[in-house]
Amino acid sequence: MYPGNQQMTYIYPMIDEVRQGDNPWRSVTFCYQGCLPENPPKWMTEDFILITHNICSVLCEQIACTDFNTHWDYVPFMEFNDTGDRVWTNLMSADWAAKQAVCVLYFYFYFYQSH
């Protein structure tokens, strides 16, 4: 295809042209907040910009898209490699998904089973 950075200059505009739903790009500036050593590395003193979409909106758009039928993990899970280290492969393998599932179950049992 294209070597090195030339490939990125070709792909990025194509990605920016993708329109799915109403979820604009947002940028968040962040930096290291911990204690600095005497001669900190450059990354500890710089600001960084994360450009992203609202993840909950992206998730709702993906769930509504029929292209994802039969290709969706509906249940939170934990995955481990051969050495026993945890591997995060997608949203449903994250702790956030497990916590959300617990919240939904709590809501269901509290409001629908107790009344």
C-alpha atoms as a PDB file:
ATOM      1  CA  MET A   1       0.000   0.000   0.000  1.00  0.00           C
ATOM      2  CA  TYR A   2       1.744   3.174   1.222  1.00  0.00           C
ATOM      3  CA  PRO A   3       4.961   3.241   3.267  1.00  0.00           C
ATOM      4  CA  GLY A   4       5.165   4.764   6.763  1.00  0.00           C
ATOM      5  CA  ASN A   5       3.506   8.135   7.321  1.00  0.00           C
ATOM      6  CA  GLN A   6       2.197   8.288   3.764  1.00  0.00           C
ATOM      7  CA  GLN A   7      -0.250   5.542   4.684  1.00  0.00           C
ATOM      8  CA  MET A   8      -1.508   7.574   7.643  1.00  0.00           C
ATOM      9  CA  THR A   9      -1.992  10.716   5.574  1.00  0.00           C
ATOM     10  CA  TYR A  10      -4.104   8.594   3.232  1.00  0.00           C
ATOM     11  CA  ILE A  11      -6.125   6.756   5.919  1.00  0.00           C
ATOM     12  CA  TYR A  12      -6.859   9.574   8.398  1.00  0.00           C
ATOM     13  CA  PRO A  13      -8.944  11.681   5.983  1.00  0.00           C
ATOM     14  CA  MET A  14     -10.928   8.552   5.069  1.00  0.00           C
ATOM     15  CA  ILE A  15     -11.648   7.862   8.755  1.00  0.00           C
ATOM     16  CA  ASP A  16     -12.700  11.475   9.288  1.00  0.00           C
ATOM     17  CA  GLU A  17     -15.233  11.152   6.461  1.00  0.00           C
ATOM     18  CA  VAL A  18     -17.080   8.262   8.135  1.00  0.00           C
ATOM     19  CA  ARG A  19     -20.440   9.483   9.391  1.00  0.00           C
ATOM     20  CA  GLN A  20     -22.468   7.222  11.632  1.00  0.00           C
ATOM     21  CA  GLY A  21     -25.036   8.894  13.836  1.00  0.00           C
ATOM     22  CA  ASP A  22     -24.638  12.206  15.599  1.00  0.00           C
ATOM     23  CA  ASN A  23     -21.538  11.857  17.739  1.00  0.00           C
ATOM     24  CA  PRO A  24     -19.009  14.632  17.146  1.00  0.00           C
ATOM     25  CA  TRP A  25     -15.319  14.370  17.921  1.00  0.00           C
ATOM     26  CA  ARG A  26     -14.290  15.803  21.292  1.00  0.00           C
ATOM     27  CA  SER A  27     -10.816  16.633  22.530  1.00  0.00           C
ATOM     28  CA  VAL A  28      -9.600  16.328  26.095  1.00  0.00           C
ATOM     29  CA  THR A  29      -6.269  17.682  27.292  1.00  0.00           C
ATOM     30  CA  PHE A  30      -4.519  15.721  29.998  1.00  0.00           C
ATOM     31  CA  CYS A  31      -1.119  15.500  31.650  1.00  0.00           C
ATOM     32  CA  TYR A  32       0.779  13.545  34.270  1.00  0.00           C
ATOM     33  CA  GLN A  33      -0.458  14.559  37.735  1.00  0.00           C
ATOM     34  CA  GLY A  34       1.939  12.650  39.998  1.00  0.00           C
ATOM     35  CA  CYS A  35       5.081  13.746  41.797  1.00  0.00           C
ATOM     36  CA  LEU A  36       7.928  14.709  39.506  1.00  0.00           C
ATOM     37  CA  PRO A  37      11.441  13.332  39.970  1.00  0.00           C
ATOM     38  CA  GLU A  38      14.426  15.671  39.870  1.00  0.00           C
ATOM     39  CA  ASN A  39      14.959  15.251  36.112  1.00  0.00           C
ATOM     40  CA  PRO A  40      11.563  14.137  34.836  1.00  0.00           C
ATOM     41  CA  PRO A  41      11.224  12.537  31.419  1.00  0.00           C
ATOM     42  CA  LYS A  42       9.620  14.710  28.776  1.00  0.00           C
ATOM     43  CA  TRP A  43       6.260  12.887  28.877  1.00  0.00           C
ATOM     44  CA  MET A  44       5.817  13.805  32.554  1.00  0.00           C
ATOM     45  CA  THR A  45       5.856  17.538  31.817  1.00  0.00           C
ATOM     46  CA  GLU A  46       3.942  17.702  28.544  1.00  0.00           C
ATOM     47  CA  ASP A  47       0.227  18.099  27.870  1.00  0.00           C
ATOM     48  CA  PHE A  48      -1.421  15.509  25.655  1.00  0.00           C
ATOM     49  CA  ILE A  49      -4.616  15.692  23.625  1.00  0.00           C
ATOM     50  CA  LEU A  50      -6.980  12.746  23.386  1.00  0.00           C
ATOM     51  CA  ILE A  51      -9.449  13.023  20.526  1.00  0.00           C
ATOM     52  CA  THR A  52     -12.416  10.717  20.897  1.00  0.00           C
ATOM     53  CA  HIS A  53     -16.144  10.199  20.578  1.00  0.00           C
ATOM     54  CA  ASN A  54     -18.513   9.782  23.515  1.00  0.00           C
ATOM     55  CA  ILE A  55     -18.084   6.036  24.165  1.00  0.00           C
ATOM     56  CA  CYS A  56     -21.667   5.531  25.361  1.00  0.00           C
ATOM     57  CA  SER A  57     -23.007   7.105  22.157  1.00  0.00           C
ATOM     58  CA  VAL A  58     -20.677   4.959  20.039  1.00  0.00           C
ATOM     59  CA  LEU A  59     -21.875   1.877  21.887  1.00  0.00           C
ATOM     60  CA  CYS A  60     -25.528   2.776  21.308  1.00  0.00           C
ATOM     61  CA  GLU A  61     -24.842   3.310  17.596  1.00  0.00           C
ATOM     62  CA  GLN A  62     -23.058  -0.039  17.348  1.00  0.00           C
ATOM     63  CA  ILE A  63     -25.859  -1.886  19.114  1.00  0.00           C
ATOM     64  CA  ALA A  64     -28.399  -0.334  16.738  1.00  0.00           C
ATOM     65  CA  CYS A  65     -26.354  -1.277  13.647  1.00  0.00           C
ATOM     66  CA  THR A  66     -27.471  -4.579  12.110  1.00  0.00           C
ATOM     67  CA  ASP A  67     -23.939  -5.165  10.748  1.00  0.00           C
ATOM     68  CA  PHE A  68     -22.988  -6.238  14.294  1.00  0.00           C
ATOM     69  CA  ASN A  69     -25.679  -8.929  14.609  1.00  0.00           C
ATOM     70  CA  THR A  70     -24.130 -12.210  15.825  1.00  0.00           C
ATOM     71  CA  HIS A  71     -20.777 -10.456  16.355  1.00  0.00           C
ATOM     72  CA  TRP A  72     -21.470  -8.952  19.750  1.00  0.00           C
ATOM     73  CA  ASP A  73     -20.350  -9.936  23.252  1.00  0.00           C
ATOM     74  CA  TYR A  74     -23.415  -9.297  25.409  1.00  0.00           C
ATOM     75  CA  VAL A  75     -21.904 -10.526  28.653  1.00  0.00           C
ATOM     76  CA  PRO A  76     -18.921  -8.999  30.484  1.00  0.00           C
ATOM     77  CA  PHE A  77     -15.966 -11.388  30.663  1.00  0.00           C
ATOM     78  CA  MET A  78     -12.375 -11.662  31.862  1.00  0.00           C
ATOM     79  CA  GLU A  79      -9.714 -13.033  29.530  1.00  0.00           C
ATOM     80  CA  PHE A  80      -6.235 -14.229  30.516  1.00  0.00           C
ATOM     81  CA  ASN A  81      -3.172 -15.141  28.477  1.00  0.00           C
ATOM     82  CA  ASP A  82      -1.016 -18.281  28.889  1.00  0.00           C
ATOM     83  CA  THR A  83       0.980 -16.734  31.744  1.00  0.00           C
ATOM     84  CA  GLY A  84      -2.145 -15.784  33.691  1.00  0.00           C
ATOM     85  CA  ASP A  85      -2.002 -12.044  32.958  1.00  0.00           C
ATOM     86  CA  ARG A  86      -5.280 -10.297  32.274  1.00  0.00           C
ATOM     87  CA  VAL A  87      -5.909  -9.302  28.649  1.00  0.00           C
ATOM     88  CA  TRP A  88      -8.298  -6.500  27.706  1.00  0.00           C
ATOM     89  CA  THR A  89      -9.552  -7.123  24.186  1.00  0.00           C
ATOM     90  CA  ASN A  90     -12.719  -5.048  23.965  1.00  0.00           C
ATOM     91  CA  LEU A  91     -15.257  -3.076  25.961  1.00  0.00           C
ATOM     92  CA  MET A  92     -16.918  -6.160  27.428  1.00  0.00           C
ATOM     93  CA  SER A  93     -13.605  -7.423  28.819  1.00  0.00           C
ATOM     94  CA  ALA A  94     -13.175  -4.231  30.842  1.00  0.00           C
ATOM     95  CA  ASP A  95     -14.109  -3.725  34.486  1.00  0.00           C
ATOM     96  CA  TRP A  96     -16.483  -0.926  33.436  1.00  0.00           C
ATOM     97  CA  ALA A  97     -18.738  -3.404  31.612  1.00  0.00           C
ATOM     98  CA  ALA A  98     -18.904  -5.705  34.640  1.00  0.00           C
ATOM     99  CA  LYS A  99     -19.785  -2.793  36.923  1.00  0.00           C
ATOM    100  CA  GLN A 100     -22.521  -1.644  34.541  1.00  0.00           C
ATOM    101  CA  ALA A 101     -23.981  -5.154  34.427  1.00  0.00           C
ATOM    102  CA  VAL A 102     -24.070  -5.274  38.221  1.00  0.00           C
ATOM    103  CA  CYS A 103     -25.854  -1.901  38.290  1.00  0.00           C
ATOM    104  CA  VAL A 104     -28.477  -3.119  35.819  1.00  0.00           C
ATOM    105  CA  LEU A 105     -29.059  -6.330  37.784  1.00  0.00           C
ATOM    106  CA  TYR A 106     -29.346  -4.399  41.030  1.00  0.00           C
ATOM    107  CA  PHE A 107     -31.836  -2.001  39.448  1.00  0.00           C
ATOM    108  CA  TYR A 108     -33.870  -4.872  38.012  1.00  0.00           C
ATOM    109  CA  PHE A 109     -34.054  -6.877  41.233  1.00  0.00           C
ATOM    110  CA  TYR A 110     -34.582  -3.878  43.472  1.00  0.00           C
ATOM    111  CA  PHE A 111     -37.339  -2.212  41.478  1.00  0.00           C
ATOM    112  CA  TYR A 112     -39.063  -5.077  39.708  1.00  0.00           C
ATOM    113  CA  GLN A 113     -38.722  -7.998  42.093  1.00  0.00           C
ATOM    114  CA  SER A 114     -39.320  -6.206  45.393  1.00  0.00           C
ATOM    115  CA  HIS A 115     -42.564  -4.458  44.373  1.00  0.00           C
END
